Protein backbone atom coordinates (compact mmCIF):
# COMPACT_ATOMS: atom_id res chain seq x y z
CA UNK A 1 107.33 103.23 115.09
CA UNK A 2 103.98 102.44 113.39
CA UNK A 3 102.99 102.43 109.69
CA UNK A 4 99.66 102.60 107.98
CA UNK A 5 98.56 102.40 104.35
CA UNK A 6 95.96 105.01 103.46
CA UNK A 7 94.42 107.12 100.64
CA UNK A 8 95.05 110.71 100.72
CA UNK A 9 94.77 113.27 97.89
CA UNK A 10 98.02 114.41 96.25
CA UNK A 11 99.75 117.44 97.76
CA UNK A 12 98.50 119.83 94.96
CA UNK A 13 94.88 118.60 95.17
CA UNK A 14 92.54 121.50 96.38
CA UNK A 15 91.07 119.21 98.94
CA UNK A 16 94.36 118.64 100.56
CA UNK A 17 94.69 122.36 101.29
CA UNK A 18 91.18 122.67 102.60
CA UNK A 19 91.63 119.66 104.90
CA UNK A 20 94.90 120.99 106.16
CA UNK A 21 93.44 124.36 107.16
CA UNK A 22 90.43 122.61 108.76
CA UNK A 23 92.58 120.16 110.73
CA UNK A 24 95.31 122.81 111.38
CA UNK A 25 98.16 120.62 109.99
CA UNK A 26 99.51 119.60 106.68
CA UNK A 27 99.86 115.73 106.52
CA UNK A 28 102.74 116.10 104.07
CA UNK A 29 104.99 118.78 105.66
CA UNK A 30 103.76 118.30 109.16
CA UNK A 31 103.44 122.12 109.48
CA UNK A 32 100.69 124.03 111.29
CA UNK A 33 98.04 125.66 109.07
CA UNK A 34 95.84 128.69 109.82
CA UNK A 35 92.20 127.69 110.30
CA UNK A 36 89.59 128.68 107.61
CA UNK A 37 87.78 131.87 108.10
CA UNK A 38 84.08 132.50 108.80
CA UNK A 39 82.96 128.83 109.89
CA UNK A 40 80.86 129.89 112.89
CA UNK A 41 83.27 128.39 115.32
CA UNK A 42 86.24 129.89 117.12
CA UNK A 43 89.75 128.81 116.62
CA UNK A 44 89.89 126.95 119.88
CA UNK A 45 86.69 125.17 119.11
CA UNK A 46 87.93 123.95 115.76
CA UNK A 47 91.13 122.80 117.45
CA UNK A 48 89.26 120.89 120.07
CA UNK A 49 86.94 119.13 117.65
CA UNK A 50 89.75 118.27 115.29
CA UNK A 51 92.37 117.03 117.78
CA UNK A 52 92.03 113.37 116.90
CA UNK A 53 91.97 113.57 113.15
CA UNK A 54 94.71 116.23 113.18
CA UNK A 55 97.00 113.67 114.88
CA UNK A 56 96.19 110.90 112.36
CA UNK A 57 96.20 113.36 109.20
CA UNK A 58 93.67 113.69 106.52
CA UNK A 59 93.23 110.16 105.14
CA UNK A 60 90.95 107.36 104.24
CA UNK A 61 92.02 104.23 106.07
CA UNK A 62 92.98 101.21 103.98
CA UNK A 63 95.21 99.31 106.31
CA UNK A 64 95.14 100.41 109.95
CA UNK A 65 98.32 101.36 111.87
CA UNK A 66 100.63 98.56 112.66
CA UNK A 67 104.06 97.84 114.09
CA UNK A 68 106.43 95.82 111.76
CA UNK A 69 107.00 92.23 112.36
CA UNK A 70 110.49 91.28 113.46
CA UNK A 71 111.43 89.49 110.26
CA UNK A 72 110.74 92.51 107.86
CA UNK A 73 112.12 95.91 107.32
CA UNK A 74 110.82 99.29 106.27
CA UNK A 75 112.80 98.89 103.02
CA UNK A 76 110.93 95.70 102.29
CA UNK A 77 107.71 97.29 102.99
CA UNK A 78 108.33 100.34 100.74
CA UNK A 79 109.57 98.09 97.95
CA UNK A 80 106.54 95.81 98.01
CA UNK A 81 104.08 98.79 98.39
CA UNK A 82 105.63 100.46 95.23
CA UNK A 83 105.37 97.23 93.25
CA UNK A 84 101.75 96.62 94.53
CA UNK A 85 100.48 100.00 93.79
CA UNK A 86 102.05 99.98 90.22
CA UNK A 87 99.81 96.77 89.55
CA UNK A 88 96.57 98.45 90.63
CA UNK A 89 94.38 100.52 88.25
CA UNK A 90 93.30 103.99 89.32
CA UNK A 91 89.64 104.64 89.54
CA UNK A 92 87.22 107.53 90.35
CA UNK A 93 85.58 107.53 93.81
CA UNK A 94 81.90 108.49 93.84
CA UNK A 95 81.45 112.13 94.85
CA UNK A 96 82.11 112.56 98.52
CA UNK A 97 79.56 113.75 100.96
CA UNK A 98 79.60 114.80 104.60
CA UNK A 99 78.04 112.36 107.01
CA UNK A 100 77.87 111.76 110.73
CA UNK A 101 78.84 108.29 111.66
CA UNK A 102 77.96 107.89 115.27
CA UNK A 103 79.31 111.08 116.66
CA UNK A 104 82.07 111.68 114.12
CA UNK A 105 81.79 113.88 111.01
CA UNK A 106 83.52 112.33 108.00
CA UNK A 107 83.64 112.44 104.25
CA UNK A 108 82.24 109.35 102.66
CA UNK A 109 81.43 108.13 99.10
CA UNK A 110 77.89 108.95 97.99
CA UNK A 111 77.35 105.42 97.10
CA UNK A 112 79.08 102.12 97.51
CA UNK A 113 82.27 101.50 95.43
CA UNK A 114 82.97 97.86 94.78
CA UNK A 115 86.51 98.75 93.26
CA UNK A 116 87.37 100.46 96.63
CA UNK A 117 86.15 97.59 98.75
CA UNK A 118 88.13 95.13 96.64
CA UNK A 119 91.26 97.16 96.82
CA UNK A 120 91.07 97.68 100.52
CA UNK A 121 90.67 93.93 101.08
CA UNK A 122 93.58 93.15 98.77
CA UNK A 123 95.86 95.62 100.65
CA UNK A 124 94.90 94.08 103.99
CA UNK A 125 95.71 90.67 102.80
CA UNK A 126 98.80 91.51 100.80
CA UNK A 127 100.56 93.37 103.60
CA UNK A 128 99.43 91.17 106.52
CA UNK A 129 102.96 89.54 106.88
CA UNK A 130 104.44 92.97 107.66
CA UNK A 131 102.14 93.41 110.71
CA UNK A 132 103.31 92.48 114.29
CA UNK A 133 100.62 90.78 116.40
CA UNK A 134 98.54 93.16 118.40
CA UNK A 135 99.45 93.55 122.04
CA UNK A 136 96.81 92.89 124.79
CA UNK A 137 96.69 96.73 125.24
CA UNK A 138 95.99 97.37 121.55
CA UNK A 139 93.29 94.83 121.59
CA UNK A 140 91.66 96.43 124.68
CA UNK A 141 91.71 99.84 122.94
CA UNK A 142 89.58 98.30 120.19
CA UNK A 143 86.85 97.84 122.90
CA UNK A 144 86.26 94.14 121.91
CA UNK A 145 83.25 93.88 124.04
CA UNK A 146 81.29 96.19 121.71
CA UNK A 147 82.25 94.30 118.50
CA UNK A 148 80.23 91.84 116.52
CA UNK A 149 81.55 88.18 116.21
CA UNK A 150 82.75 89.00 112.76
CA UNK A 151 84.50 92.16 113.82
CA UNK A 152 86.13 90.41 116.73
CA UNK A 153 87.34 87.79 114.38
CA UNK A 154 88.67 90.64 112.01
CA UNK A 155 90.43 92.20 115.02
CA UNK A 156 92.42 89.04 115.77
CA UNK A 157 92.94 87.87 112.04
CA UNK A 158 93.77 91.17 110.43
CA UNK A 159 94.53 93.64 113.29
CA UNK A 160 91.40 95.82 112.77
CA UNK A 161 87.70 95.02 113.26
CA UNK A 162 86.42 97.05 110.25
CA UNK A 163 87.81 95.17 107.25
CA UNK A 164 86.47 92.96 104.54
CA UNK A 165 82.80 92.88 104.71
CA UNK A 166 82.82 95.47 107.52
CA UNK A 167 85.03 97.89 105.61
CA UNK A 168 83.55 101.40 105.22
CA UNK A 169 85.56 104.11 103.58
CA UNK A 170 85.59 107.43 105.48
CA UNK A 171 87.78 110.43 105.79
CA UNK A 172 87.36 111.73 109.41
CA UNK A 173 87.01 115.41 109.96
CA UNK A 174 86.21 115.53 113.63
CA UNK A 175 86.64 113.42 116.74
CA UNK A 176 83.61 112.49 118.72
CA UNK A 177 81.18 115.46 118.85
CA UNK A 178 78.72 115.88 121.78
CA UNK A 179 75.05 116.05 120.77
CA UNK A 180 74.70 119.59 122.04
CA UNK A 181 77.37 120.61 119.34
CA UNK A 182 76.16 118.65 116.39
CA UNK A 183 74.34 121.40 114.58
CA UNK A 184 77.10 123.95 115.06
CA UNK A 185 79.95 121.72 114.13
CA UNK A 186 77.99 120.24 111.03
CA UNK A 187 77.39 123.79 109.76
CA UNK A 188 81.07 124.61 109.98
CA UNK A 189 82.08 121.32 108.30
CA UNK A 190 79.67 122.07 105.48
CA UNK A 191 80.90 125.62 105.13
CA UNK A 192 84.46 124.55 104.65
CA UNK A 193 84.04 121.33 102.48
CA UNK A 194 80.89 121.45 100.51
CA UNK A 195 82.23 123.81 97.86
CA UNK A 196 84.87 121.29 97.06
CA UNK A 197 82.75 118.01 96.91
CA UNK A 198 80.88 118.52 93.55
CA UNK A 199 83.85 116.82 91.61
CA UNK A 200 84.81 113.15 91.70
CA UNK A 201 88.20 112.39 93.29
CA UNK A 202 90.53 110.12 91.64
CA UNK A 203 91.79 107.18 93.83
CA UNK A 204 95.23 107.05 92.21
CA UNK A 205 97.70 106.36 94.97
CA UNK A 206 98.42 104.38 98.11
CA UNK A 207 100.14 106.61 100.77
CA UNK A 208 102.44 105.11 103.48
CA UNK A 209 101.87 106.93 106.69
CA UNK A 210 104.36 106.74 109.57
CA UNK A 211 104.02 107.51 113.33
CA UNK A 212 107.63 108.10 114.44
CA UNK A 213 107.10 107.44 118.07
CA UNK A 214 104.03 106.56 120.28
CA UNK A 215 101.59 109.57 120.37
CA UNK A 216 103.40 111.47 117.58
CA UNK A 217 101.33 112.78 114.64
CA UNK A 218 101.11 110.58 111.56
CA UNK A 219 102.67 111.97 108.41
CA UNK A 220 102.93 110.83 104.77
CA UNK A 221 106.18 109.00 104.46
CA UNK A 222 105.74 108.37 100.74
CA UNK A 223 103.09 108.39 98.02
CA UNK A 224 102.85 105.43 95.65
CA UNK A 225 101.12 106.03 92.37
CA UNK A 226 98.79 103.39 91.13
CA UNK A 227 99.04 102.16 87.64
CA UNK A 228 102.16 102.10 85.29
């Protein structure tokens, strides 16, 4: 079993429903959801391009998936996450926008958000004691030969290369898209998501995600509101 600490909108947020339809799965219930109409892509194409983010669920990564250390329990993790979240102040994210990062389309903040970076670093540090060391296979999957020196240090110190100064908040909407499909996939993503991106989104919770067994889809185990 693996756990992850992420941000995801609340179940009744309109963006949650839109993302569930696009990805084909509700991250709270785990149930399949019918795809959105009139995207310019067929159902099978959407399913193909969203296979990876569908498994991980609609989220913005804060602390990457980890196995529990032998000397801690899920109950301990839940109790500390609840207390930690309660001590954090909610804040508004800058408006989200659609961006292609490498070959992946994601939602990202329109401009840098210092509060978000500070919170992410705090979560990584505060919950490090719960993370079991990476296995050799997990390190290999991170493709260490392609990482910078700082990212490689992050991988071994914190279990993920893109933390601290290398942290960039994103909510993935596709897996890797081939160059020949960039235009069509971007058009579909914009048709589905742009009508819902004009408002600011409140970062007001930390969600504990769970992968029940290797290869299983991640789901929201519990939502922990920020603030008192």
